[in-house]
Amino acid sequence: MKLVTYRTDAHGRAGILIEDTILDLAACLGWYEHREGRRCRESDVEYKYGKGVLGFVENESLARPAADEVLIAFSTDTLPKSFDGRTLAMPARDKHLLSPIPRPPSMRDGYAFRQHVETARRNRGVEMIPEFDLFPVFYFTNHQSVIGPGDLEVEALHLNKLDFELEAAVVIGKGGKNLDIAGADRAIFGLMVMNDFSARVLQMEEMKLSLGPAKGKDFATGLGPWLVTLDELAPHTHKTPTGAVFDLAMKARVNGVEVSSANVKDMTWTFAQILERASYGVTLHPGDVIGSGTCGTGCFLELNGSQITHNQWLQIGDVVELEIEGLGALRNRVVSGF
């Protein structure tokens, strides 16, 4: 199942994406409740199933079976065109997508691809850090600065070596504390594309103070275009003793030119290992987002240092598109906010 949030005049609404069609989630669940002879006002639906994609994740045990019934009705042409004055199915091309979860409860980003870490350090003339192999590290980033497909608005200082980062991200479903590997895999609701936009000059200046990236990262993180549930990724998922491995090709294009290519399966640390570490002494909550970290070749910082590109950075008007097999393509255009 692919879950989206699409823009309306008033606010974002949750939907289910089926090929080129979006089903309005709340309206369809209202129809389903009416069919079952239960209270079906939108307020009743939100009380039972939650609001938006985040509410769906929080109430998965109730919401998923109901949504599956809606999908059956749609596939058998028994879903009506409208219910209670609201259109149930609409062309996806007519809707602007936001981040699937516009405001996650929290957001962490990992550092899981050895190739990226090793190459970036070699390009700076330093040896590979041995602690990389001891535990999966992550940092907290700004969950209030999430964007979906569309414009990336930047300030003047962000353009000092503005970069993309090609990543996958998981969304927490059941959550939990002190998870083991098996529990961590069970905690994953689904995956989506992540672009950890980075202002490199700001980032490098502040990291000299040993508190990690902040202003160099906090202005925007791209998520989307949709959130894909694990069952849909089963053909690309392999179980290992250290957790599920996702065999999903990754690509980045800037202004239509491919600059990066990798695979999610190349993560040195699995998402389960990252979640095991993140949940130590801490409860992970439904809707929390955890990124993989940049894949090998997945940013200009690494590409420029390896002379694959030559002092290339994102500029006003540039379009960056990150695509992961099965997860779609997240497309953003850099625009001026000053």
C-alpha atoms as a PDB file:
ATOM      1  CA  MET A   1       0.000   0.000   0.000  1.00  0.00           C
ATOM      2  CA  LYS A   2       1.215   3.480  -0.893  1.00  0.00           C
ATOM      3  CA  LEU A   3       0.073   6.269   1.440  1.00  0.00           C
ATOM      4  CA  VAL A   4       0.220   9.922   0.425  1.00  0.00           C
ATOM      5  CA  THR A   5      -0.724  13.332   1.731  1.00  0.00           C
ATOM      6  CA  TYR A   6      -2.099  15.654  -0.925  1.00  0.00           C
ATOM      7  CA  ARG A   7      -2.780  19.364  -0.808  1.00  0.00           C
ATOM      8  CA  THR A   8      -6.258  20.854  -0.746  1.00  0.00           C
ATOM      9  CA  ASP A   9      -7.260  24.510  -0.428  1.00  0.00           C
ATOM     10  CA  ALA A  10      -7.588  24.158   3.336  1.00  0.00           C
ATOM     11  CA  HIS A  11      -5.016  21.582   4.391  1.00  0.00           C
ATOM     12  CA  GLY A  12      -3.395  18.285   3.515  1.00  0.00           C
ATOM     13  CA  ARG A  13      -5.500  15.150   3.265  1.00  0.00           C
ATOM     14  CA  ALA A  14      -4.389  11.530   3.433  1.00  0.00           C
ATOM     15  CA  GLY A  15      -4.868   9.189   0.521  1.00  0.00           C
ATOM     16  CA  ILE A  16      -4.047   5.770  -0.868  1.00  0.00           C
ATOM     17  CA  LEU A  17      -2.223   5.809  -4.195  1.00  0.00           C
ATOM     18  CA  ILE A  18      -3.224   3.098  -6.701  1.00  0.00           C
ATOM     19  CA  GLU A  19      -1.304   3.551  -9.954  1.00  0.00           C
ATOM     20  CA  ASP A  20      -2.631   6.899 -11.243  1.00  0.00           C
ATOM     21  CA  THR A  21      -5.513   7.255  -8.764  1.00  0.00           C
ATOM     22  CA  ILE A  22      -5.703   8.653  -5.228  1.00  0.00           C
ATOM     23  CA  LEU A  23      -8.407   7.408  -2.874  1.00  0.00           C
ATOM     24  CA  ASP A  24      -9.285   9.962  -0.194  1.00  0.00           C
ATOM     25  CA  LEU A  25      -8.609   7.976   2.967  1.00  0.00           C
ATOM     26  CA  ALA A  26     -11.000   9.648   5.416  1.00  0.00           C
ATOM     27  CA  ALA A  27     -13.876   9.774   2.926  1.00  0.00           C
ATOM     28  CA  CYS A  28     -13.365   6.140   1.922  1.00  0.00           C
ATOM     29  CA  LEU A  29     -13.237   5.010   5.543  1.00  0.00           C
ATOM     30  CA  GLY A  30     -16.408   6.998   6.162  1.00  0.00           C
ATOM     31  CA  TRP A  31     -18.074   5.097   3.317  1.00  0.00           C
ATOM     32  CA  TYR A  32     -16.804   1.809   4.771  1.00  0.00           C
ATOM     33  CA  GLU A  33     -18.164   2.620   8.239  1.00  0.00           C
ATOM     34  CA  HIS A  34     -21.519   3.554   6.662  1.00  0.00           C
ATOM     35  CA  ARG A  35     -21.559   0.259   4.756  1.00  0.00           C
ATOM     36  CA  GLU A  36     -20.973  -1.602   8.010  1.00  0.00           C
ATOM     37  CA  GLY A  37     -23.816   0.277   9.707  1.00  0.00           C
ATOM     38  CA  ARG A  38     -21.621   2.354  12.006  1.00  0.00           C
ATOM     39  CA  ARG A  39     -21.220   6.086  12.664  1.00  0.00           C
ATOM     40  CA  CYS A  40     -19.546   7.588   9.648  1.00  0.00           C
ATOM     41  CA  ARG A  41     -19.045  11.340  10.058  1.00  0.00           C
ATOM     42  CA  GLU A  42     -15.483  12.448   9.431  1.00  0.00           C
ATOM     43  CA  SER A  43     -15.069  13.241  13.130  1.00  0.00           C
ATOM     44  CA  ASP A  44     -16.156   9.675  13.956  1.00  0.00           C
ATOM     45  CA  VAL A  45     -13.685   8.285  11.421  1.00  0.00           C
ATOM     46  CA  GLU A  46     -10.827  10.370  12.839  1.00  0.00           C
ATOM     47  CA  TYR A  47     -11.689   9.279  16.385  1.00  0.00           C
ATOM     48  CA  LYS A  48     -11.536   5.616  15.387  1.00  0.00           C
ATOM     49  CA  TYR A  49      -8.768   5.554  12.788  1.00  0.00           C
ATOM     50  CA  GLY A  50      -6.769   8.700  13.518  1.00  0.00           C
ATOM     51  CA  LYS A  51      -6.150  11.743  11.347  1.00  0.00           C
ATOM     52  CA  GLY A  52      -4.013  11.724   8.235  1.00  0.00           C
ATOM     53  CA  VAL A  53      -1.249   9.266   7.405  1.00  0.00           C
ATOM     54  CA  LEU A  54       0.210   9.639  10.901  1.00  0.00           C
ATOM     55  CA  GLY A  55      -3.142   8.624  12.393  1.00  0.00           C
ATOM     56  CA  PHE A  56      -3.253   5.628  10.056  1.00  0.00           C
ATOM     57  CA  VAL A  57       0.205   4.543  11.266  1.00  0.00           C
ATOM     58  CA  GLU A  58      -0.764   5.027  14.911  1.00  0.00           C
ATOM     59  CA  ASN A  59      -3.948   2.978  14.444  1.00  0.00           C
ATOM     60  CA  GLU A  60      -2.640   0.437  11.949  1.00  0.00           C
ATOM     61  CA  SER A  61      -4.316  -2.577  13.572  1.00  0.00           C
ATOM     62  CA  LEU A  62      -7.748  -1.031  12.926  1.00  0.00           C
ATOM     63  CA  ALA A  63      -7.042   1.164   9.920  1.00  0.00           C
ATOM     64  CA  ARG A  64      -5.211  -1.314   7.684  1.00  0.00           C
ATOM     65  CA  PRO A  65      -7.972  -3.984   7.568  1.00  0.00           C
ATOM     66  CA  ALA A  66     -10.563  -1.267   6.851  1.00  0.00           C
ATOM     67  CA  ALA A  67      -8.390   0.232   4.115  1.00  0.00           C
ATOM     68  CA  ASP A  68      -7.916  -3.218   2.592  1.00  0.00           C
ATOM     69  CA  GLU A  69     -11.702  -3.513   2.354  1.00  0.00           C
ATOM     70  CA  VAL A  70     -11.795  -0.170   0.570  1.00  0.00           C
ATOM     71  CA  LEU A  71      -9.179  -1.414  -1.914  1.00  0.00           C
ATOM     72  CA  ILE A  72     -11.218  -4.536  -2.589  1.00  0.00           C
ATOM     73  CA  ALA A  73     -14.269  -2.373  -3.274  1.00  0.00           C
ATOM     74  CA  PHE A  74     -12.245  -0.158  -5.617  1.00  0.00           C
ATOM     75  CA  SER A  75     -10.806  -3.130  -7.525  1.00  0.00           C
ATOM     76  CA  THR A  76     -14.269  -4.685  -7.953  1.00  0.00           C
ATOM     77  CA  ASP A  77     -15.920  -1.392  -9.014  1.00  0.00           C
ATOM     78  CA  THR A  78     -18.191  -1.397  -5.959  1.00  0.00           C
ATOM     79  CA  LEU A  79     -16.703   1.752  -4.425  1.00  0.00           C
ATOM     80  CA  PRO A  80     -19.025   4.683  -5.237  1.00  0.00           C
ATOM     81  CA  LYS A  81     -17.706   7.820  -6.920  1.00  0.00           C
ATOM     82  CA  SER A  82     -18.572   9.957  -3.898  1.00  0.00           C
ATOM     83  CA  PHE A  83     -19.840   9.715  -0.335  1.00  0.00           C
ATOM     84  CA  ASP A  84     -21.301  12.414   1.906  1.00  0.00           C
ATOM     85  CA  GLY A  85     -20.483  15.085  -0.650  1.00  0.00           C
ATOM     86  CA  ARG A  86     -16.813  14.159  -1.064  1.00  0.00           C
ATOM     87  CA  THR A  87     -15.186  12.537  -4.080  1.00  0.00           C
ATOM     88  CA  LEU A  88     -13.644   9.180  -3.157  1.00  0.00           C
ATOM     89  CA  ALA A  89     -11.302   8.609  -6.116  1.00  0.00           C
ATOM     90  CA  MET A  90      -9.465  11.260  -8.128  1.00  0.00           C
ATOM     91  CA  PRO A  91      -6.645  11.399 -10.702  1.00  0.00           C
ATOM     92  CA  ALA A  92      -3.255  11.628  -9.013  1.00  0.00           C
ATOM     93  CA  ARG A  93      -1.992  14.021 -11.698  1.00  0.00           C
ATOM     94  CA  ASP A  94      -4.443  16.662 -10.455  1.00  0.00           C
ATOM     95  CA  LYS A  95      -3.058  16.685  -6.916  1.00  0.00           C
ATOM     96  CA  HIS A  96       0.112  18.181  -5.439  1.00  0.00           C
ATOM     97  CA  LEU A  97       1.710  15.768  -2.996  1.00  0.00           C
ATOM     98  CA  LEU A  98       3.166  16.842   0.337  1.00  0.00           C
ATOM     99  CA  SER A  99       5.401  14.744   2.564  1.00  0.00           C
ATOM    100  CA  PRO A 100       3.456  11.574   3.473  1.00  0.00           C
ATOM    101  CA  ILE A 101       3.861  12.568   7.134  1.00  0.00           C
ATOM    102  CA  PRO A 102       4.218  16.373   7.037  1.00  0.00           C
ATOM    103  CA  ARG A 103       5.205  16.689  10.697  1.00  0.00           C
ATOM    104  CA  PRO A 104       6.721  13.466  12.102  1.00  0.00           C
ATOM    105  CA  PRO A 105       6.820  13.159  15.913  1.00  0.00           C
ATOM    106  CA  SER A 106      10.616  13.007  15.644  1.00  0.00           C
ATOM    107  CA  MET A 107      13.268  12.453  12.999  1.00  0.00           C
ATOM    108  CA  ARG A 108      16.688  10.811  13.214  1.00  0.00           C
ATOM    109  CA  ASP A 109      19.228  10.265  10.477  1.00  0.00           C
ATOM    110  CA  GLY A 110      21.759   7.456  10.450  1.00  0.00           C
ATOM    111  CA  TYR A 111      25.252   6.979   9.014  1.00  0.00           C
ATOM    112  CA  ALA A 112      24.936   3.437   7.717  1.00  0.00           C
ATOM    113  CA  PHE A 113      26.763   3.276   4.348  1.00  0.00           C
ATOM    114  CA  ARG A 114      30.446   2.481   4.782  1.00  0.00           C
ATOM    115  CA  GLN A 115      31.279   3.539   1.203  1.00  0.00           C
ATOM    116  CA  HIS A 116      30.045   7.077   1.821  1.00  0.00           C
ATOM    117  CA  VAL A 117      31.833   7.438   5.160  1.00  0.00           C
ATOM    118  CA  GLU A 118      35.063   5.894   3.919  1.00  0.00           C
ATOM    119  CA  THR A 119      35.192   7.898   0.680  1.00  0.00           C
ATOM    120  CA  ALA A 120      34.275  11.193   2.329  1.00  0.00           C
ATOM    121  CA  ARG A 121      37.000  10.727   4.938  1.00  0.00           C
ATOM    122  CA  ARG A 122      39.594   9.669   2.347  1.00  0.00           C
ATOM    123  CA  ASN A 123      38.773  12.758   0.306  1.00  0.00           C
ATOM    124  CA  ARG A 124      39.546  14.843   3.404  1.00  0.00           C
ATOM    125  CA  GLY A 125      42.857  13.038   3.913  1.00  0.00           C
ATOM    126  CA  VAL A 126      41.842  11.225   7.127  1.00  0.00           C
ATOM    127  CA  GLU A 127      41.686   7.503   7.912  1.00  0.00           C
ATOM    128  CA  MET A 128      38.471   5.560   8.315  1.00  0.00           C
ATOM    129  CA  ILE A 129      37.158   6.023  11.845  1.00  0.00           C
ATOM    130  CA  PRO A 130      37.228   2.629  13.671  1.00  0.00           C
ATOM    131  CA  GLU A 131      34.197   3.503  15.805  1.00  0.00           C
ATOM    132  CA  PHE A 132      32.043   3.181  12.679  1.00  0.00           C
ATOM    133  CA  ASP A 133      32.147  -0.598  13.141  1.00  0.00           C
ATOM    134  CA  LEU A 134      31.260  -0.516  16.851  1.00  0.00           C
ATOM    135  CA  PHE A 135      27.688   0.809  16.718  1.00  0.00           C
ATOM    136  CA  PRO A 136      25.323   2.579  14.304  1.00  0.00           C
ATOM    137  CA  VAL A 137      25.319   6.309  14.968  1.00  0.00           C
ATOM    138  CA  PHE A 138      22.582   8.827  14.192  1.00  0.00           C
ATOM    139  CA  TYR A 139      21.674  12.432  14.856  1.00  0.00           C
ATOM    140  CA  PHE A 140      18.363  14.191  15.481  1.00  0.00           C
ATOM    141  CA  THR A 141      17.229  16.597  12.797  1.00  0.00           C
ATOM    142  CA  ASN A 142      14.398  19.128  12.532  1.00  0.00           C
ATOM    143  CA  HIS A 143      11.073  17.295  12.216  1.00  0.00           C
ATOM    144  CA  GLN A 144       9.307  20.662  11.788  1.00  0.00           C
ATOM    145  CA  SER A 145      11.171  21.477   8.554  1.00  0.00           C
ATOM    146  CA  VAL A 146       9.992  18.556   6.449  1.00  0.00           C
ATOM    147  CA  ILE A 147       9.043  19.153   2.824  1.00  0.00           C
ATOM    148  CA  GLY A 148       7.570  16.863   0.199  1.00  0.00           C
ATOM    149  CA  PRO A 149       7.833  17.069  -3.586  1.00  0.00           C
ATOM    150  CA  GLY A 150       8.023  20.608  -4.962  1.00  0.00           C
ATOM    151  CA  ASP A 151       9.974  23.739  -4.144  1.00  0.00           C
ATOM    152  CA  LEU A 152      12.885  23.819  -1.719  1.00  0.00           C
ATOM    153  CA  GLU A 153      13.075  27.405  -0.431  1.00  0.00           C
ATOM    154  CA  VAL A 154      16.553  28.426   0.733  1.00  0.00           C
ATOM    155  CA  GLU A 155      18.242  31.466   2.259  1.00  0.00           C
ATOM    156  CA  ALA A 156      21.464  33.042   0.994  1.00  0.00           C
ATOM    157  CA  LEU A 157      23.810  31.148   3.359  1.00  0.00           C
ATOM    158  CA  HIS A 158      22.302  27.799   2.368  1.00  0.00           C
ATOM    159  CA  LEU A 159      23.653  28.331  -1.153  1.00  0.00           C
ATOM    160  CA  ASN A 160      27.228  28.129   0.123  1.00  0.00           C
ATOM    161  CA  LYS A 161      27.787  24.576  -1.178  1.00  0.00           C
ATOM    162  CA  LEU A 162      24.146  23.460  -1.094  1.00  0.00           C
ATOM    163  CA  ASP A 163      23.971  19.671  -1.368  1.00  0.00           C
ATOM    164  CA  PHE A 164      21.512  16.796  -1.646  1.00  0.00           C
ATOM    165  CA  GLU A 165      21.825  13.445   0.135  1.00  0.00           C
ATOM    166  CA  LEU A 166      20.309  10.293  -1.361  1.00  0.00           C
ATOM    167  CA  GLU A 167      18.793   8.202   1.433  1.00  0.00           C
ATOM    168  CA  ALA A 168      16.033   5.777   2.332  1.00  0.00           C
ATOM    169  CA  ALA A 169      14.014   6.234   5.509  1.00  0.00           C
ATOM    170  CA  VAL A 170      11.797   4.005   7.630  1.00  0.00           C
ATOM    171  CA  VAL A 171       8.689   5.055   9.511  1.00  0.00           C
ATOM    172  CA  ILE A 172       8.062   3.472  12.900  1.00  0.00           C
ATOM    173  CA  GLY A 173       4.791   1.596  13.296  1.00  0.00           C
ATOM    174  CA  LYS A 174       4.321  -0.276  16.566  1.00  0.00           C
ATOM    175  CA  GLY A 175       7.274   1.389  18.252  1.00  0.00           C
ATOM    176  CA  GLY A 176       8.814   0.201  21.474  1.00  0.00           C
ATOM    177  CA  LYS A 177      11.739   0.460  23.865  1.00  0.00           C
ATOM    178  CA  ASN A 178      14.938  -1.618  24.113  1.00  0.00           C
ATOM    179  CA  LEU A 179      14.113  -3.460  20.896  1.00  0.00           C
ATOM    180  CA  ASP A 180      16.072  -6.495  19.781  1.00  0.00           C
ATOM    181  CA  ILE A 181      16.710  -7.167  16.083  1.00  0.00           C
ATOM    182  CA  ALA A 182      13.476  -9.096  15.549  1.00  0.00           C
ATOM    183  CA  GLY A 183      11.462  -6.493  17.453  1.00  0.00           C
ATOM    184  CA  ALA A 184      13.105  -3.697  15.494  1.00  0.00           C
ATOM    185  CA  ASP A 185      12.110  -5.264  12.178  1.00  0.00           C
ATOM    186  CA  ARG A 186       8.543  -5.637  13.459  1.00  0.00           C
ATOM    187  CA  ALA A 187       8.542  -1.971  14.463  1.00  0.00           C
ATOM    188  CA  ILE A 188       8.977  -0.795  10.866  1.00  0.00           C
ATOM    189  CA  PHE A 189       5.739   0.337   9.213  1.00  0.00           C
ATOM    190  CA  GLY A 190       7.176   1.215   5.812  1.00  0.00           C
ATOM    191  CA  LEU A 191       9.822   3.001   3.760  1.00  0.00           C
ATOM    192  CA  MET A 192      10.126   6.199   1.726  1.00  0.00           C
ATOM    193  CA  VAL A 193      12.721   8.320  -0.058  1.00  0.00           C
ATOM    194  CA  MET A 194      14.630  10.887   2.013  1.00  0.00           C
ATOM    195  CA  ASN A 195      16.704  13.880   0.889  1.00  0.00           C
ATOM    196  CA  ASP A 196      18.786  15.271   3.741  1.00  0.00           C
ATOM    197  CA  PHE A 197      19.492  18.703   2.243  1.00  0.00           C
ATOM    198  CA  SER A 198      22.774  20.114   3.507  1.00  0.00           C
ATOM    199  CA  ALA A 199      24.391  23.545   3.517  1.00  0.00           C
ATOM    200  CA  ARG A 200      27.986  22.326   3.617  1.00  0.00           C
ATOM    201  CA  VAL A 201      29.770  25.526   4.628  1.00  0.00           C
ATOM    202  CA  LEU A 202      27.417  26.045   7.581  1.00  0.00           C
ATOM    203  CA  GLN A 203      27.699  22.357   8.468  1.00  0.00           C
ATOM    204  CA  MET A 204      31.499  22.208   8.423  1.00  0.00           C
ATOM    205  CA  GLU A 205      31.888  25.380  10.458  1.00  0.00           C
ATOM    206  CA  GLU A 206      29.586  24.243  13.238  1.00  0.00           C
ATOM    207  CA  MET A 207      30.896  20.659  13.370  1.00  0.00           C
ATOM    208  CA  LYS A 208      34.272  22.010  14.473  1.00  0.00           C
ATOM    209  CA  LEU A 209      32.517  22.616  17.811  1.00  0.00           C
ATOM    210  CA  SER A 210      31.788  18.864  18.157  1.00  0.00           C
ATOM    211  CA  LEU A 211      28.021  19.135  18.513  1.00  0.00           C
ATOM    212  CA  GLY A 212      27.132  17.675  15.140  1.00  0.00           C
ATOM    213  CA  PRO A 213      25.190  19.204  12.251  1.00  0.00           C
ATOM    214  CA  ALA A 214      22.497  21.742  13.129  1.00  0.00           C
ATOM    215  CA  LYS A 215      22.100  24.934  11.053  1.00  0.00           C
ATOM    216  CA  GLY A 216      23.681  23.158   8.113  1.00  0.00           C
ATOM    217  CA  LYS A 217      20.831  20.637   8.146  1.00  0.00           C
ATOM    218  CA  ASP A 218      17.812  22.049   9.959  1.00  0.00           C
ATOM    219  CA  PHE A 219      16.287  24.120   7.142  1.00  0.00           C
ATOM    220  CA  ALA A 220      14.776  21.247   5.130  1.00  0.00           C
ATOM    221  CA  THR A 221      14.503  17.487   4.811  1.00  0.00           C
ATOM    222  CA  GLY A 222      12.626  16.050   1.840  1.00  0.00           C
ATOM    223  CA  LEU A 223      10.383  13.000   2.355  1.00  0.00           C
ATOM    224  CA  GLY A 224       8.144  11.237  -0.131  1.00  0.00           C
ATOM    225  CA  PRO A 225       6.569  11.099  -2.571  1.00  0.00           C
ATOM    226  CA  TRP A 226       4.720   8.305  -0.798  1.00  0.00           C
ATOM    227  CA  LEU A 227       5.093   5.924   2.143  1.00  0.00           C
ATOM    228  CA  VAL A 228       5.191   2.250   1.110  1.00  0.00           C
ATOM    229  CA  THR A 229       4.103  -0.476   3.538  1.00  0.00           C
ATOM    230  CA  LEU A 230       6.413  -3.436   4.122  1.00  0.00           C
ATOM    231  CA  ASP A 231       4.131  -6.028   2.545  1.00  0.00           C
ATOM    232  CA  GLU A 232       4.475  -4.309  -0.836  1.00  0.00           C
ATOM    233  CA  LEU A 233       8.277  -4.531  -0.528  1.00  0.00           C
ATOM    234  CA  ALA A 234       8.325  -8.239   0.388  1.00  0.00           C
ATOM    235  CA  PRO A 235       9.758  -9.360  -2.997  1.00  0.00           C
ATOM    236  CA  HIS A 236      12.742  -7.060  -2.378  1.00  0.00           C
ATOM    237  CA  THR A 237      13.233  -7.961   1.305  1.00  0.00           C
ATOM    238  CA  HIS A 238      15.669 -10.546   2.612  1.00  0.00           C
ATOM    239  CA  LYS A 239      15.846 -11.693   6.226  1.00  0.00           C
ATOM    240  CA  THR A 240      19.297 -11.879   7.810  1.00  0.00           C
ATOM    241  CA  PRO A 241      20.528 -12.433  11.387  1.00  0.00           C
ATOM    242  CA  THR A 242      21.116  -8.679  11.663  1.00  0.00           C
ATOM    243  CA  GLY A 243      17.723  -7.691  10.295  1.00  0.00           C
ATOM    244  CA  ALA A 244      15.855  -7.205   7.049  1.00  0.00           C
ATOM    245  CA  VAL A 245      17.859  -6.126   4.000  1.00  0.00           C
ATOM    246  CA  PHE A 246      16.033  -4.205   1.280  1.00  0.00           C
ATOM    247  CA  ASP A 247      17.240  -4.766  -2.293  1.00  0.00           C
ATOM    248  CA  LEU A 248      16.139  -1.458  -3.825  1.00  0.00           C
ATOM    249  CA  ALA A 249      18.084   0.423  -6.493  1.00  0.00           C
ATOM    250  CA  MET A 250      18.817   4.091  -5.735  1.00  0.00           C
ATOM    251  CA  LYS A 251      19.487   6.916  -8.182  1.00  0.00           C
ATOM    252  CA  ALA A 252      19.941  10.687  -8.037  1.00  0.00           C
ATOM    253  CA  ARG A 253      19.522  13.072 -10.953  1.00  0.00           C
ATOM    254  CA  VAL A 254      20.257  16.797 -11.068  1.00  0.00           C
ATOM    255  CA  ASN A 255      18.630  18.681 -13.938  1.00  0.00           C
ATOM    256  CA  GLY A 256      17.940  15.331 -15.580  1.00  0.00           C
ATOM    257  CA  VAL A 257      21.555  14.103 -15.412  1.00  0.00           C
ATOM    258  CA  GLU A 258      22.216  11.004 -13.308  1.00  0.00           C
ATOM    259  CA  VAL A 259      24.936  11.687 -10.743  1.00  0.00           C
ATOM    260  CA  SER A 260      24.467   8.881  -8.186  1.00  0.00           C
ATOM    261  CA  SER A 261      23.668   5.181  -8.218  1.00  0.00           C
ATOM    262  CA  ALA A 262      23.537   2.735  -5.294  1.00  0.00           C
ATOM    263  CA  ASN A 263      21.303   0.212  -3.545  1.00  0.00           C
ATOM    264  CA  VAL A 264      19.636   0.197  -0.128  1.00  0.00           C
ATOM    265  CA  LYS A 265      20.997  -3.336   0.425  1.00  0.00           C
ATOM    266  CA  ASP A 266      24.507  -1.829   0.592  1.00  0.00           C
ATOM    267  CA  MET A 267      23.843  -0.409   4.073  1.00  0.00           C
ATOM    268  CA  THR A 268      26.570  -1.664   6.407  1.00  0.00           C
ATOM    269  CA  TRP A 269      24.195  -1.323   9.337  1.00  0.00           C
ATOM    270  CA  THR A 270      20.619  -2.545   8.794  1.00  0.00           C
ATOM    271  CA  PHE A 271      17.622  -0.470   9.797  1.00  0.00           C
ATOM    272  CA  ALA A 272      16.968  -3.053  12.523  1.00  0.00           C
ATOM    273  CA  GLN A 273      20.421  -2.436  13.995  1.00  0.00           C
ATOM    274  CA  ILE A 274      19.875   1.329  13.848  1.00  0.00           C
ATOM    275  CA  LEU A 275      16.503   0.953  15.609  1.00  0.00           C
ATOM    276  CA  GLU A 276      17.998  -1.381  18.217  1.00  0.00           C
ATOM    277  CA  ARG A 277      20.533   1.308  19.059  1.00  0.00           C
ATOM    278  CA  ALA A 278      18.022   4.169  18.873  1.00  0.00           C
ATOM    279  CA  SER A 279      15.538   2.410  21.184  1.00  0.00           C
ATOM    280  CA  TYR A 280      18.062   1.666  23.931  1.00  0.00           C
ATOM    281  CA  GLY A 281      16.517   3.268  27.009  1.00  0.00           C
ATOM    282  CA  VAL A 282      14.180   5.276  24.762  1.00  0.00           C
ATOM    283  CA  THR A 283      10.721   4.584  23.348  1.00  0.00           C
ATOM    284  CA  LEU A 284      10.321   4.873  19.579  1.00  0.00           C
ATOM    285  CA  HIS A 285       6.847   6.135  18.695  1.00  0.00           C
ATOM    286  CA  PRO A 286       4.560   5.525  15.709  1.00  0.00           C
ATOM    287  CA  GLY A 287       5.378   7.944  12.930  1.00  0.00           C
ATOM    288  CA  ASP A 288       8.988   8.557  13.976  1.00  0.00           C
ATOM    289  CA  VAL A 289      11.240   8.770  10.907  1.00  0.00           C
ATOM    290  CA  ILE A 290      14.755   7.280  10.795  1.00  0.00           C
ATOM    291  CA  GLY A 291      16.977   7.826   7.756  1.00  0.00           C
ATOM    292  CA  SER A 292      19.665   5.488   6.469  1.00  0.00           C
ATOM    293  CA  GLY A 293      22.299   8.136   5.974  1.00  0.00           C
ATOM    294  CA  THR A 294      23.818   8.949   2.590  1.00  0.00           C
ATOM    295  CA  CYS A 295      24.525   6.083   0.221  1.00  0.00           C
ATOM    296  CA  GLY A 296      27.842   5.759  -1.591  1.00  0.00           C
ATOM    297  CA  THR A 297      28.136   8.490  -4.285  1.00  0.00           C
ATOM    298  CA  GLY A 298      24.927   9.972  -2.851  1.00  0.00           C
ATOM    299  CA  CYS A 299      25.942  13.634  -2.507  1.00  0.00           C
ATOM    300  CA  PHE A 300      28.095  16.286  -4.180  1.00  0.00           C
ATOM    301  CA  LEU A 301      30.412  16.418  -1.158  1.00  0.00           C
ATOM    302  CA  GLU A 302      31.561  12.898  -1.971  1.00  0.00           C
ATOM    303  CA  LEU A 303      31.289  13.224  -5.764  1.00  0.00           C
ATOM    304  CA  ASN A 304      33.334  16.433  -5.898  1.00  0.00           C
ATOM    305  CA  GLY A 305      35.985  15.030  -3.594  1.00  0.00           C
ATOM    306  CA  SER A 306      36.325  11.968  -5.830  1.00  0.00           C
ATOM    307  CA  GLN A 307      36.525  14.158  -8.971  1.00  0.00           C
ATOM    308  CA  ILE A 308      33.394  12.514 -10.396  1.00  0.00           C
ATOM    309  CA  THR A 309      31.893  15.987 -10.469  1.00  0.00           C
ATOM    310  CA  HIS A 310      33.877  19.219 -10.354  1.00  0.00           C
ATOM    311  CA  ASN A 311      32.881  21.696  -7.650  1.00  0.00           C
ATOM    312  CA  GLN A 312      29.228  21.188  -8.486  1.00  0.00           C
ATOM    313  CA  TRP A 313      26.632  22.292  -5.938  1.00  0.00           C
ATOM    314  CA  LEU A 314      22.905  22.959  -6.092  1.00  0.00           C
ATOM    315  CA  GLN A 315      21.925  26.412  -7.369  1.00  0.00           C
ATOM    316  CA  ILE A 316      18.693  28.386  -7.652  1.00  0.00           C
ATOM    317  CA  GLY A 317      16.560  26.779 -10.350  1.00  0.00           C
ATOM    318  CA  ASP A 318      18.215  23.356 -10.131  1.00  0.00           C
ATOM    319  CA  VAL A 319      15.952  20.310  -9.956  1.00  0.00           C
ATOM    320  CA  VAL A 320      17.130  17.326  -7.903  1.00  0.00           C
ATOM    321  CA  GLU A 321      15.311  14.011  -8.208  1.00  0.00           C
ATOM    322  CA  LEU A 322      15.988  11.083  -5.908  1.00  0.00           C
ATOM    323  CA  GLU A 323      14.509   7.757  -6.947  1.00  0.00           C
ATOM    324  CA  ILE A 324      14.415   4.449  -5.096  1.00  0.00           C
ATOM    325  CA  GLU A 325      12.985   1.307  -6.660  1.00  0.00           C
ATOM    326  CA  GLY A 326       9.459   0.725  -5.390  1.00  0.00           C
ATOM    327  CA  LEU A 327       9.444   3.965  -3.382  1.00  0.00           C
ATOM    328  CA  GLY A 328       9.035   6.450  -6.229  1.00  0.00           C
ATOM    329  CA  ALA A 329      10.926   9.604  -7.154  1.00  0.00           C
ATOM    330  CA  LEU A 330      11.169  12.639  -4.881  1.00  0.00           C
ATOM    331  CA  ARG A 331      11.576  15.753  -7.034  1.00  0.00           C
ATOM    332  CA  ASN A 332      12.515  19.192  -5.648  1.00  0.00           C
ATOM    333  CA  ARG A 333      13.369  22.520  -7.291  1.00  0.00           C
ATOM    334  CA  VAL A 334      15.643  25.009  -5.495  1.00  0.00           C
ATOM    335  CA  VAL A 335      14.024  28.456  -5.175  1.00  0.00           C
ATOM    336  CA  SER A 336      15.065  31.653  -3.416  1.00  0.00           C
ATOM    337  CA  GLY A 337      13.545  32.545  -0.081  1.00  0.00           C
ATOM    338  CA  PHE A 338      15.336  35.899   0.095  1.00  0.00           C
END
